[in-house]
Amino acid sequence: MFCYGTIHKGQKYLRQTNVIDGIVGDWVCHQECQNVAKALDMYDDCDPDYGLSDEMFNESINQYIYDEHYDSETDDVQAEWQGLTRYEEVCKILNELDAESK
């Protein structure tokens, strides 16, 4: 739900069934999307009743990429961050955060 990407057979993911305003719905996301949301403290500012929205998730990912990978010479994000799917961006961010923690 966060990155709008496909969860492929064999991938780890989270599933949660919710009732919001009397409507039952399933929420699913890649494990990596959940991990990056936690690592970037996205849950700190979300609505306590409705949780982290996909809009907030995507804004946070965009902000991270801008903050960490903006190239002022080209007035754009670095080339290796362009043309990626949101899921690919999430995985790159997790790899960066993991490398920084070592």
PDB file of N, CA and C in Angstrom:
ATOM      1  N   MET A   1       0.815  -1.198   0.000  1.00  0.00           N
ATOM      2  CA  MET A   1       0.000   0.000   0.000  1.00  0.00           C
ATOM      3  C   MET A   1       0.861   1.265   0.000  1.00  0.00           C
ATOM      4  N   PHE A   2       1.961   1.267   0.740  1.00  0.00           N
ATOM      5  CA  PHE A   2       2.776   2.477   0.819  1.00  0.00           C
ATOM      6  C   PHE A   2       3.394   2.843  -0.525  1.00  0.00           C
ATOM      7  N   CYS A   3       4.049   1.892  -1.182  1.00  0.00           N
ATOM      8  CA  CYS A   3       4.803   2.216  -2.398  1.00  0.00           C
ATOM      9  C   CYS A   3       4.027   1.908  -3.672  1.00  0.00           C
ATOM     10  N   TYR A   4       2.869   1.333  -3.550  1.00  0.00           N
ATOM     11  CA  TYR A   4       2.021   0.950  -4.685  1.00  0.00           C
ATOM     12  C   TYR A   4       2.653  -0.123  -5.562  1.00  0.00           C
ATOM     13  N   GLY A   5       3.714  -0.747  -5.071  1.00  0.00           N
ATOM     14  CA  GLY A   5       4.395  -1.783  -5.848  1.00  0.00           C
ATOM     15  C   GLY A   5       3.754  -3.144  -5.641  1.00  0.00           C
ATOM     16  N   THR A   6       4.048  -4.032  -6.548  1.00  0.00           N
ATOM     17  CA  THR A   6       3.544  -5.399  -6.477  1.00  0.00           C
ATOM     18  C   THR A   6       4.333  -6.192  -5.442  1.00  0.00           C
ATOM     19  N   ILE A   7       3.624  -6.971  -4.658  1.00  0.00           N
ATOM     20  CA  ILE A   7       4.273  -7.909  -3.750  1.00  0.00           C
ATOM     21  C   ILE A   7       4.323  -9.239  -4.486  1.00  0.00           C
ATOM     22  N   HIS A   8       5.533  -9.660  -4.801  1.00  0.00           N
ATOM     23  CA  HIS A   8       5.705 -10.867  -5.601  1.00  0.00           C
ATOM     24  C   HIS A   8       5.697 -12.118  -4.728  1.00  0.00           C
ATOM     25  N   LYS A   9       5.364 -13.211  -5.326  1.00  0.00           N
ATOM     26  CA  LYS A   9       5.333 -14.497  -4.634  1.00  0.00           C
ATOM     27  C   LYS A   9       6.685 -14.734  -3.952  1.00  0.00           C
ATOM     28  N   GLY A  10       6.622 -15.056  -2.671  1.00  0.00           N
ATOM     29  CA  GLY A  10       7.819 -15.327  -1.891  1.00  0.00           C
ATOM     30  C   GLY A  10       8.369 -14.120  -1.142  1.00  0.00           C
ATOM     31  N   GLN A  11       7.914 -12.919  -1.471  1.00  0.00           N
ATOM     32  CA  GLN A  11       8.376 -11.726  -0.757  1.00  0.00           C
ATOM     33  C   GLN A  11       7.705 -11.653   0.609  1.00  0.00           C
ATOM     34  N   LYS A  12       8.451 -11.160   1.581  1.00  0.00           N
ATOM     35  CA  LYS A  12       7.874 -10.943   2.906  1.00  0.00           C
ATOM     36  C   LYS A  12       7.053  -9.662   2.884  1.00  0.00           C
ATOM     37  N   TYR A  13       5.908  -9.717   3.544  1.00  0.00           N
ATOM     38  CA  TYR A  13       5.040  -8.553   3.599  1.00  0.00           C
ATOM     39  C   TYR A  13       4.226  -8.586   4.881  1.00  0.00           C
ATOM     40  N   LEU A  14       3.597  -7.479   5.165  1.00  0.00           N
ATOM     41  CA  LEU A  14       2.723  -7.363   6.334  1.00  0.00           C
ATOM     42  C   LEU A  14       1.293  -7.259   5.849  1.00  0.00           C
ATOM     43  N   ARG A  15       0.379  -7.842   6.600  1.00  0.00           N
ATOM     44  CA  ARG A  15      -1.044  -7.746   6.292  1.00  0.00           C
ATOM     45  C   ARG A  15      -1.779  -7.429   7.584  1.00  0.00           C
ATOM     46  N   GLN A  16      -2.722  -6.513   7.458  1.00  0.00           N
ATOM     47  CA  GLN A  16      -3.515  -6.117   8.612  1.00  0.00           C
ATOM     48  C   GLN A  16      -4.939  -5.856   8.139  1.00  0.00           C
ATOM     49  N   THR A  17      -5.905  -6.365   8.871  1.00  0.00           N
ATOM     50  CA  THR A  17      -7.307  -6.097   8.569  1.00  0.00           C
ATOM     51  C   THR A  17      -7.793  -5.021   9.536  1.00  0.00           C
ATOM     52  N   ASN A  18      -8.388  -3.977   8.984  1.00  0.00           N
ATOM     53  CA  ASN A  18      -8.824  -2.831   9.784  1.00  0.00           C
ATOM     54  C   ASN A  18     -10.303  -2.552   9.556  1.00  0.00           C
ATOM     55  N   VAL A  19     -10.919  -1.935  10.548  1.00  0.00           N
ATOM     56  CA  VAL A  19     -12.264  -1.401  10.406  1.00  0.00           C
ATOM     57  C   VAL A  19     -12.163   0.096  10.668  1.00  0.00           C
ATOM     58  N   ILE A  20     -12.408   0.879   9.610  1.00  0.00           N
ATOM     59  CA  ILE A  20     -12.334   2.329   9.726  1.00  0.00           C
ATOM     60  C   ILE A  20     -13.663   2.901   9.263  1.00  0.00           C
ATOM     61  N   ASP A  21     -14.290   3.640  10.142  1.00  0.00           N
ATOM     62  CA  ASP A  21     -15.599   4.231   9.847  1.00  0.00           C
ATOM     63  C   ASP A  21     -16.594   3.159   9.400  1.00  0.00           C
ATOM     64  N   GLY A  22     -16.511   1.989  10.033  1.00  0.00           N
ATOM     65  CA  GLY A  22     -17.438   0.901   9.746  1.00  0.00           C
ATOM     66  C   GLY A  22     -17.131   0.100   8.494  1.00  0.00           C
ATOM     67  N   ILE A  23     -16.041   0.399   7.821  1.00  0.00           N
ATOM     68  CA  ILE A  23     -15.670  -0.309   6.596  1.00  0.00           C
ATOM     69  C   ILE A  23     -14.470  -1.200   6.878  1.00  0.00           C
ATOM     70  N   VAL A  24     -14.586  -2.480   6.527  1.00  0.00           N
ATOM     71  CA  VAL A  24     -13.508  -3.443   6.724  1.00  0.00           C
ATOM     72  C   VAL A  24     -12.610  -3.424   5.487  1.00  0.00           C
ATOM     73  N   GLY A  25     -11.322  -3.365   5.725  1.00  0.00           N
ATOM     74  CA  GLY A  25     -10.379  -3.375   4.606  1.00  0.00           C
ATOM     75  C   GLY A  25      -9.058  -3.982   5.021  1.00  0.00           C
ATOM     76  N   ASP A  26      -8.361  -4.526   4.053  1.00  0.00           N
ATOM     77  CA  ASP A  26      -7.031  -5.080   4.300  1.00  0.00           C
ATOM     78  C   ASP A  26      -5.972  -4.070   3.896  1.00  0.00           C
ATOM     79  N   TRP A  27      -4.938  -4.014   4.672  1.00  0.00           N
ATOM     80  CA  TRP A  27      -3.780  -3.183   4.394  1.00  0.00           C
ATOM     81  C   TRP A  27      -2.602  -4.131   4.270  1.00  0.00           C
ATOM     82  N   VAL A  28      -1.826  -3.993   3.212  1.00  0.00           N
ATOM     83  CA  VAL A  28      -0.630  -4.821   3.018  1.00  0.00           C
ATOM     84  C   VAL A  28       0.525  -3.931   2.582  1.00  0.00           C
ATOM     85  N   CYS A  29       1.739  -4.320   2.956  1.00  0.00           N
ATOM     86  CA  CYS A  29       2.918  -3.589   2.480  1.00  0.00           C
ATOM     87  C   CYS A  29       4.127  -4.499   2.524  1.00  0.00           C
ATOM     88  N   HIS A  30       5.100  -4.165   1.689  1.00  0.00           N
ATOM     89  CA  HIS A  30       6.371  -4.878   1.700  1.00  0.00           C
ATOM     90  C   HIS A  30       7.017  -4.734   3.082  1.00  0.00           C
ATOM     91  N   GLN A  31       7.743  -5.733   3.501  1.00  0.00           N
ATOM     92  CA  GLN A  31       8.492  -5.639   4.758  1.00  0.00           C
ATOM     93  C   GLN A  31       9.480  -4.476   4.693  1.00  0.00           C
ATOM     94  N   GLU A  32      10.080  -4.269   3.525  1.00  0.00           N
ATOM     95  CA  GLU A  32      11.051  -3.191   3.373  1.00  0.00           C
ATOM     96  C   GLU A  32      10.412  -1.815   3.559  1.00  0.00           C
ATOM     97  N   CYS A  33       9.189  -1.661   3.092  1.00  0.00           N
ATOM     98  CA  CYS A  33       8.496  -0.376   3.276  1.00  0.00           C
ATOM     99  C   CYS A  33       8.236  -0.115   4.755  1.00  0.00           C
ATOM    100  N   GLN A  34       7.846  -1.153   5.463  1.00  0.00           N
ATOM    101  CA  GLN A  34       7.652  -1.030   6.906  1.00  0.00           C
ATOM    102  C   GLN A  34       8.973  -0.674   7.585  1.00  0.00           C
ATOM    103  N   ASN A  35      10.054  -1.332   7.175  1.00  0.00           N
ATOM    104  CA  ASN A  35      11.364  -1.091   7.787  1.00  0.00           C
ATOM    105  C   ASN A  35      11.836   0.345   7.566  1.00  0.00           C
ATOM    106  N   VAL A  36      11.660   0.868   6.345  1.00  0.00           N
ATOM    107  CA  VAL A  36      12.111   2.234   6.076  1.00  0.00           C
ATOM    108  C   VAL A  36      11.222   3.237   6.822  1.00  0.00           C
ATOM    109  N   ALA A  37       9.942   2.943   6.948  1.00  0.00           N
ATOM    110  CA  ALA A  37       9.051   3.829   7.707  1.00  0.00           C
ATOM    111  C   ALA A  37       9.509   3.924   9.158  1.00  0.00           C
ATOM    112  N   LYS A  38       9.889   2.812   9.733  1.00  0.00           N
ATOM    113  CA  LYS A  38      10.390   2.822  11.107  1.00  0.00           C
ATOM    114  C   LYS A  38      11.737   3.525  11.196  1.00  0.00           C
ATOM    115  N   ALA A  39      12.636   3.215  10.263  1.00  0.00           N
ATOM    116  CA  ALA A  39      13.988   3.778  10.294  1.00  0.00           C
ATOM    117  C   ALA A  39      13.973   5.298  10.149  1.00  0.00           C
ATOM    118  N   LEU A  40      13.033   5.817   9.373  1.00  0.00           N
ATOM    119  CA  LEU A  40      12.946   7.269   9.163  1.00  0.00           C
ATOM    120  C   LEU A  40      11.938   7.932  10.107  1.00  0.00           C
ATOM    121  N   ASP A  41      11.507   7.198  11.123  1.00  0.00           N
ATOM    122  CA  ASP A  41      10.605   7.725  12.160  1.00  0.00           C
ATOM    123  C   ASP A  41       9.308   8.296  11.594  1.00  0.00           C
ATOM    124  N   MET A  42       8.789   7.688  10.549  1.00  0.00           N
ATOM    125  CA  MET A  42       7.563   8.182   9.925  1.00  0.00           C
ATOM    126  C   MET A  42       6.343   8.035  10.827  1.00  0.00           C
ATOM    127  N   TYR A  43       6.378   7.090  11.740  1.00  0.00           N
ATOM    128  CA  TYR A  43       5.225   6.872  12.605  1.00  0.00           C
ATOM    129  C   TYR A  43       5.109   7.924  13.707  1.00  0.00           C
ATOM    130  N   ASP A  44       6.161   8.694  13.916  1.00  0.00           N
ATOM    131  CA  ASP A  44       6.138   9.701  14.977  1.00  0.00           C
ATOM    132  C   ASP A  44       5.108  10.800  14.727  1.00  0.00           C
ATOM    133  N   ASP A  45       4.870  11.142  13.470  1.00  0.00           N
ATOM    134  CA  ASP A  45       3.997  12.270  13.140  1.00  0.00           C
ATOM    135  C   ASP A  45       2.673  11.870  12.510  1.00  0.00           C
ATOM    136  N   CYS A  46       2.362  10.578  12.523  1.00  0.00           N
ATOM    137  CA  CYS A  46       1.129  10.164  11.840  1.00  0.00           C
ATOM    138  C   CYS A  46      -0.079  10.245  12.780  1.00  0.00           C
ATOM    139  N   ASP A  47      -1.247  10.247  12.189  1.00  0.00           N
ATOM    140  CA  ASP A  47      -2.510  10.307  12.918  1.00  0.00           C
ATOM    141  C   ASP A  47      -2.657   9.047  13.777  1.00  0.00           C
ATOM    142  N   PRO A  48      -2.855   9.188  15.083  1.00  0.00           N
ATOM    143  CA  PRO A  48      -2.947   8.007  15.948  1.00  0.00           C
ATOM    144  C   PRO A  48      -4.150   7.111  15.638  1.00  0.00           C
ATOM    145  N   ASP A  49      -5.196   7.658  15.044  1.00  0.00           N
ATOM    146  CA  ASP A  49      -6.377   6.847  14.727  1.00  0.00           C
ATOM    147  C   ASP A  49      -6.267   6.147  13.386  1.00  0.00           C
ATOM    148  N   TYR A  50      -5.585   6.770  12.434  1.00  0.00           N
ATOM    149  CA  TYR A  50      -5.540   6.227  11.080  1.00  0.00           C
ATOM    150  C   TYR A  50      -4.160   5.734  10.660  1.00  0.00           C
ATOM    151  N   GLY A  51      -3.141   6.033  11.429  1.00  0.00           N
ATOM    152  CA  GLY A  51      -1.810   5.540  11.120  1.00  0.00           C
ATOM    153  C   GLY A  51      -1.129   6.332  10.013  1.00  0.00           C
ATOM    154  N   LEU A  52      -0.055   5.762   9.517  1.00  0.00           N
ATOM    155  CA  LEU A  52       0.741   6.374   8.465  1.00  0.00           C
ATOM    156  C   LEU A  52       0.047   6.190   7.129  1.00  0.00           C
ATOM    157  N   SER A  53      -0.227   7.284   6.452  1.00  0.00           N
ATOM    158  CA  SER A  53      -0.892   7.200   5.149  1.00  0.00           C
ATOM    159  C   SER A  53       0.142   6.997   4.049  1.00  0.00           C
ATOM    160  N   ASP A  54      -0.320   6.476   2.922  1.00  0.00           N
ATOM    161  CA  ASP A  54       0.583   6.314   1.790  1.00  0.00           C
ATOM    162  C   ASP A  54       1.101   7.671   1.324  1.00  0.00           C
ATOM    163  N   GLU A  55       0.285   8.708   1.443  1.00  0.00           N
ATOM    164  CA  GLU A  55       0.715  10.054   1.061  1.00  0.00           C
ATOM    165  C   GLU A  55       1.868  10.527   1.944  1.00  0.00           C
ATOM    166  N   MET A  56       1.740  10.341   3.253  1.00  0.00           N
ATOM    167  CA  MET A  56       2.805  10.735   4.179  1.00  0.00           C
ATOM    168  C   MET A  56       4.066   9.913   3.931  1.00  0.00           C
ATOM    169  N   PHE A  57       3.895   8.622   3.678  1.00  0.00           N
ATOM    170  CA  PHE A  57       5.030   7.747   3.393  1.00  0.00           C
ATOM    171  C   PHE A  57       5.792   8.264   2.174  1.00  0.00           C
ATOM    172  N   ASN A  58       5.076   8.524   1.088  1.00  0.00           N
ATOM    173  CA  ASN A  58       5.714   8.956  -0.148  1.00  0.00           C
ATOM    174  C   ASN A  58       6.348  10.339  -0.017  1.00  0.00           C
ATOM    175  N   GLU A  59       5.728  11.243   0.733  1.00  0.00           N
ATOM    176  CA  GLU A  59       6.331  12.552   0.981  1.00  0.00           C
ATOM    177  C   GLU A  59       7.644  12.401   1.749  1.00  0.00           C
ATOM    178  N   SER A  60       7.670  11.498   2.710  1.00  0.00           N
ATOM    179  CA  SER A  60       8.884  11.275   3.499  1.00  0.00           C
ATOM    180  C   SER A  60       9.997  10.689   2.646  1.00  0.00           C
ATOM    181  N   ILE A  61       9.655   9.765   1.760  1.00  0.00           N
ATOM    182  CA  ILE A  61      10.664   9.181   0.861  1.00  0.00           C
ATOM    183  C   ILE A  61      11.205  10.269  -0.065  1.00  0.00           C
ATOM    184  N   ASN A  62      10.311  11.069  -0.639  1.00  0.00           N
ATOM    185  CA  ASN A  62      10.747  12.166  -1.511  1.00  0.00           C
ATOM    186  C   ASN A  62      11.674  13.129  -0.774  1.00  0.00           C
ATOM    187  N   GLN A  63      11.323  13.451   0.463  1.00  0.00           N
ATOM    188  CA  GLN A  63      12.134  14.386   1.243  1.00  0.00           C
ATOM    189  C   GLN A  63      13.508  13.802   1.543  1.00  0.00           C
ATOM    190  N   TYR A  64      13.552  12.526   1.903  1.00  0.00           N
ATOM    191  CA  TYR A  64      14.838  11.871   2.168  1.00  0.00           C
ATOM    192  C   TYR A  64      15.725  11.944   0.925  1.00  0.00           C
ATOM    193  N   ILE A  65      15.171  11.585  -0.220  1.00  0.00           N
ATOM    194  CA  ILE A  65      15.964  11.586  -1.450  1.00  0.00           C
ATOM    195  C   ILE A  65      16.441  12.995  -1.773  1.00  0.00           C
ATOM    196  N   TYR A  66      15.579  13.969  -1.622  1.00  0.00           N
ATOM    197  CA  TYR A  66      15.971  15.357  -1.867  1.00  0.00           C
ATOM    198  C   TYR A  66      17.070  15.791  -0.890  1.00  0.00           C
ATOM    199  N   ASP A  67      16.872  15.509   0.390  1.00  0.00           N
ATOM    200  CA  ASP A  67      17.846  15.926   1.403  1.00  0.00           C
ATOM    201  C   ASP A  67      19.206  15.263   1.224  1.00  0.00           C
ATOM    202  N   GLU A  68      19.209  14.010   0.851  1.00  0.00           N
ATOM    203  CA  GLU A  68      20.448  13.234   0.789  1.00  0.00           C
ATOM    204  C   GLU A  68      21.076  13.155  -0.604  1.00  0.00           C
ATOM    205  N   HIS A  69      20.283  13.393  -1.649  1.00  0.00           N
ATOM    206  CA  HIS A  69      20.795  13.119  -3.001  1.00  0.00           C
ATOM    207  C   HIS A  69      20.479  14.205  -4.028  1.00  0.00           C
ATOM    208  N   TYR A  70      20.240  15.406  -3.566  1.00  0.00           N
ATOM    209  CA  TYR A  70      20.021  16.517  -4.480  1.00  0.00           C
ATOM    210  C   TYR A  70      21.363  17.015  -4.993  1.00  0.00           C
ATOM    211  N   ASP A  71      21.456  17.228  -6.286  1.00  0.00           N
ATOM    212  CA  ASP A  71      22.672  17.721  -6.925  1.00  0.00           C
ATOM    213  C   ASP A  71      22.411  19.151  -7.391  1.00  0.00           C
ATOM    214  N   SER A  72      23.018  20.113  -6.709  1.00  0.00           N
ATOM    215  CA  SER A  72      22.759  21.515  -7.043  1.00  0.00           C
ATOM    216  C   SER A  72      23.299  21.899  -8.421  1.00  0.00           C
ATOM    217  N   GLU A  73      24.305  21.194  -8.908  1.00  0.00           N
ATOM    218  CA  GLU A  73      24.839  21.500 -10.240  1.00  0.00           C
ATOM    219  C   GLU A  73      23.836  21.187 -11.347  1.00  0.00           C
ATOM    220  N   THR A  74      23.093  20.112 -11.185  1.00  0.00           N
ATOM    221  CA  THR A  74      22.105  19.734 -12.214  1.00  0.00           C
ATOM    222  C   THR A  74      20.703  20.192 -11.830  1.00  0.00           C
ATOM    223  N   ASP A  75      20.551  20.712 -10.608  1.00  0.00           N
ATOM    224  CA  ASP A  75      19.247  21.120 -10.084  1.00  0.00           C
ATOM    225  C   ASP A  75      18.248  19.963 -10.137  1.00  0.00           C
ATOM    226  N   ASP A  76      18.719  18.798  -9.767  1.00  0.00           N
ATOM    227  CA  ASP A  76      17.895  17.587  -9.757  1.00  0.00           C
ATOM    228  C   ASP A  76      18.544  16.584  -8.810  1.00  0.00           C
ATOM    229  N   VAL A  77      17.845  15.502  -8.537  1.00  0.00           N
ATOM    230  CA  VAL A  77      18.457  14.450  -7.728  1.00  0.00           C
ATOM    231  C   VAL A  77      19.523  13.751  -8.563  1.00  0.00           C
ATOM    232  N   GLN A  78      20.461  13.126  -7.884  1.00  0.00           N
ATOM    233  CA  GLN A  78      21.547  12.433  -8.563  1.00  0.00           C
ATOM    234  C   GLN A  78      20.999  11.394  -9.540  1.00  0.00           C
ATOM    235  N   ALA A  79      21.714  11.184 -10.618  1.00  0.00           N
ATOM    236  CA  ALA A  79      21.258  10.329 -11.723  1.00  0.00           C
ATOM    237  C   ALA A  79      20.889   8.926 -11.262  1.00  0.00           C
ATOM    238  N   GLU A  80      21.636   8.364 -10.326  1.00  0.00           N
ATOM    239  CA  GLU A  80      21.351   6.986  -9.891  1.00  0.00           C
ATOM    240  C   GLU A  80      20.057   6.857  -9.098  1.00  0.00           C
ATOM    241  N   TRP A  81      19.450   7.995  -8.752  1.00  0.00           N
ATOM    242  CA  TRP A  81      18.168   7.987  -8.048  1.00  0.00           C
ATOM    243  C   TRP A  81      17.001   8.295  -8.973  1.00  0.00           C
ATOM    244  N   GLN A  82      17.268   8.526 -10.225  1.00  0.00           N
ATOM    245  CA  GLN A  82      16.215   8.841 -11.177  1.00  0.00           C
ATOM    246  C   GLN A  82      15.725   7.581 -11.877  1.00  0.00           C
ATOM    247  N   GLY A  83      14.440   7.523 -12.161  1.00  0.00           N
ATOM    248  CA  GLY A  83      13.867   6.417 -12.915  1.00  0.00           C
ATOM    249  C   GLY A  83      13.615   5.152 -12.116  1.00  0.00           C
ATOM    250  N   LEU A  84      13.773   5.218 -10.796  1.00  0.00           N
ATOM    251  CA  LEU A  84      13.536   4.050  -9.949  1.00  0.00           C
ATOM    252  C   LEU A  84      12.065   3.964  -9.558  1.00  0.00           C
ATOM    253  N   THR A  85      11.613   2.763  -9.316  1.00  0.00           N
ATOM    254  CA  THR A  85      10.288   2.616  -8.724  1.00  0.00           C
ATOM    255  C   THR A  85      10.384   3.025  -7.259  1.00  0.00           C
ATOM    256  N   ARG A  86       9.266   3.280  -6.645  1.00  0.00           N
ATOM    257  CA  ARG A  86       9.277   3.647  -5.232  1.00  0.00           C
ATOM    258  C   ARG A  86       9.871   2.507  -4.399  1.00  0.00           C
ATOM    259  N   TYR A  87       9.529   1.269  -4.728  1.00  0.00           N
ATOM    260  CA  TYR A  87      10.082   0.124  -3.994  1.00  0.00           C
ATOM    261  C   TYR A  87      11.600   0.071  -4.137  1.00  0.00           C
ATOM    262  N   GLU A  88      12.124   0.339  -5.318  1.00  0.00           N
ATOM    263  CA  GLU A  88      13.579   0.358  -5.519  1.00  0.00           C
ATOM    264  C   GLU A  88      14.221   1.469  -4.697  1.00  0.00           C
ATOM    265  N   GLU A  89      13.555   2.618  -4.624  1.00  0.00           N
ATOM    266  CA  GLU A  89      14.057   3.707  -3.790  1.00  0.00           C
ATOM    267  C   GLU A  89      14.099   3.289  -2.328  1.00  0.00           C
ATOM    268  N   VAL A  90      13.052   2.641  -1.871  1.00  0.00           N
ATOM    269  CA  VAL A  90      12.988   2.159  -0.484  1.00  0.00           C
ATOM    270  C   VAL A  90      14.164   1.236  -0.201  1.00  0.00           C
ATOM    271  N   CYS A  91      14.430   0.308  -1.092  1.00  0.00           N
ATOM    272  CA  CYS A  91      15.532  -0.647  -0.902  1.00  0.00           C
ATOM    273  C   CYS A  91      16.881   0.064  -0.884  1.00  0.00           C
ATOM    274  N   LYS A  92      17.068   1.065  -1.760  1.00  0.00           N
ATOM    275  CA  LYS A  92      18.323   1.838  -1.771  1.00  0.00           C
ATOM    276  C   LYS A  92      18.496   2.607  -0.456  1.00  0.00           C
ATOM    277  N   ILE A  93      17.418   3.175   0.039  1.00  0.00           N
ATOM    278  CA  ILE A  93      17.491   3.907   1.310  1.00  0.00           C
ATOM    279  C   ILE A  93      17.871   2.961   2.443  1.00  0.00           C
ATOM    280  N   LEU A  94      17.238   1.804   2.486  1.00  0.00           N
ATOM    281  CA  LEU A  94      17.577   0.839   3.537  1.00  0.00           C
ATOM    282  C   LEU A  94      19.039   0.422   3.449  1.00  0.00           C
ATOM    283  N   ASN A  95      19.539   0.223   2.242  1.00  0.00           N
ATOM    284  CA  ASN A  95      20.961  -0.134   2.075  1.00  0.00           C
ATOM    285  C   ASN A  95      21.875   0.983   2.576  1.00  0.00           C
ATOM    286  N   GLU A  96      21.506   2.231   2.287  1.00  0.00           N
ATOM    287  CA  GLU A  96      22.293   3.365   2.779  1.00  0.00           C
ATOM    288  C   GLU A  96      22.278   3.435   4.300  1.00  0.00           C
ATOM    289  N   LEU A  97      21.102   3.313   4.867  1.00  0.00           N
ATOM    290  CA  LEU A  97      20.989   3.393   6.323  1.00  0.00           C
ATOM    291  C   LEU A  97      21.743   2.261   6.998  1.00  0.00           C
ATOM    292  N   ASP A  98      21.705   1.092   6.395  1.00  0.00           N
ATOM    293  CA  ASP A  98      22.425  -0.054   6.932  1.00  0.00           C
ATOM    294  C   ASP A  98      23.931   0.194   6.861  1.00  0.00           C
ATOM    295  N   ALA A  99      24.394   0.732   5.738  1.00  0.00           N
ATOM    296  CA  ALA A  99      25.835   1.019   5.590  1.00  0.00           C
ATOM    297  C   ALA A  99      26.286   2.083   6.579  1.00  0.00           C
ATOM    298  N   GLU A 100      25.449   3.080   6.830  1.00  0.00           N
ATOM    299  CA  GLU A 100      25.788   4.147   7.777  1.00  0.00           C
ATOM    300  C   GLU A 100      25.901   3.628   9.207  1.00  0.00           C
ATOM    301  N   SER A 101      25.116   2.613   9.525  1.00  0.00           N
ATOM    302  CA  SER A 101      25.106   2.111  10.907  1.00  0.00           C
ATOM    303  C   SER A 101      26.299   1.196  11.200  1.00  0.00           C
ATOM    304  N   LYS A 102      27.058   0.871  10.191  1.00  0.00           N
ATOM    305  CA  LYS A 102      28.219  -0.029  10.396  1.00  0.00           C
ATOM    306  C   LYS A 102      29.485   0.739  10.595  1.00  0.00           C
TER     307      LYS A 102
END
